[in-house]
Amino acid sequence: MHRNHRVAALTATVLVGALFAAGCSSSHGGKKSEEGGAAVSAGKATTPRMTVAMITHASPGDTFWDLIRKGAQAAAAKDNVKLVYSSDPNAGNQANLVQNAIDQKVDGIALTAAKPQAMKDVVAKAEAAGIPVVGFNSGVGDWKRLGMLEYFGQDENIAGQAFGRRLGRLGAKHALCVIQEQGQVALEARCAGLKKGFSGKTDTIYVNGTDMPSVKSTITAKLKQDSSIDQVVTLGAPFALTAVQSVGDAGSKAKVATFDLNKDLVKAVQNGSIEFAVDQQPYLQGYLAVDALWLYKYNGNFSGGSTAPVLTGPAFIDKSNVDKVAEFAAKGAR
């Protein structure tokens, strides 16, 4: 909520080729399709340059979004796309960034809907302006209602359920789910899914994700308060690494597992300080979101038939497979 990024890129390229072949037999055909065919065979688009705005709810310093952006940049380079990236964790400010993109008459918008209601009006305005919008990463339960063309990401509730079942198999009895941003739909869905899938007891606490010392102290205090907690579940790699410190400070025997990866988190799985992680493949999300807008503009294609999301996770990473992922994480692609 899997494949490495090179496989994903190859798959997307093959998809472009297949869709182009289908486009040649359609009623549209013509010079534009011929140009598209040449672009595919050369491995890089020669279609007229288009502008795509990518607007996320990323918080400053959160390395997860570096992976999203790298994937988006790779697709932009391939598709002859000018990528304009911006972000703001405040939902109202993020909506203003979307409005700015509409005012600039971009060719397509890719956005995250962590606070779906805040995106409702601006997505409608984009649609009225003839600008296609695709969603990714957050808002899997709301993208169709908001009128987006496609969605790329992980079903967070399903991922949470799978996470909970895995904890049960590992023998955990009392889990603490740590949410770093209250009201963020993807994060709330993860903990809700965890509670549904886990056979033991689940507690939820909220921390200020922009203040890591506060995150550490809050988790530490909770572990000291309740020694029965034997599992800490975090919803992002930096918070998992901080939770490991909290466990030590509290003198707790709790284990730590998490959603999402980064290079340091991969090392923590390798050395055993983190049990496992769920990878939603953010690089792939960024790549597919940009590539989808190119495909729609030049081939009229859309994945999922505008009815189903394209899922990029969950993929569980533990000691049995982490070494395979490590080389790609070192390159900033997993």
Foldseek 3Di string as FASTA:
>chain_A
DDDFPVVLLVVLLVVLQVLLVVLCPDPVHPDLSVQSNVLSVVQAHPHPEFEEEEEELDDPPALQVVQLVLLLVVLCRRHNYHYHYDYHNDLLVSCVVLVVCVVVVGQEYEYEPQPVVSNQVSLVVCVVSVHAYEYEDHDQVCCLVSPHQAYEWAPQLCVLLVVQLVCVVVPFAEEEEEAQDPSRVSSVSNLNSNCVNHPHHYHYDYFNNVDLVRLLVVLLVVCLVDQSHQEYEYEGQVSQVSNLVSCVVNVHNHAYEYEDDALVSLVCLQVVNHAKYWHQFSSSRSNCRNNQSSCCVSSVDHPPNSPHHHGSDGDIGHNVCSVVCNVSNVVSRD
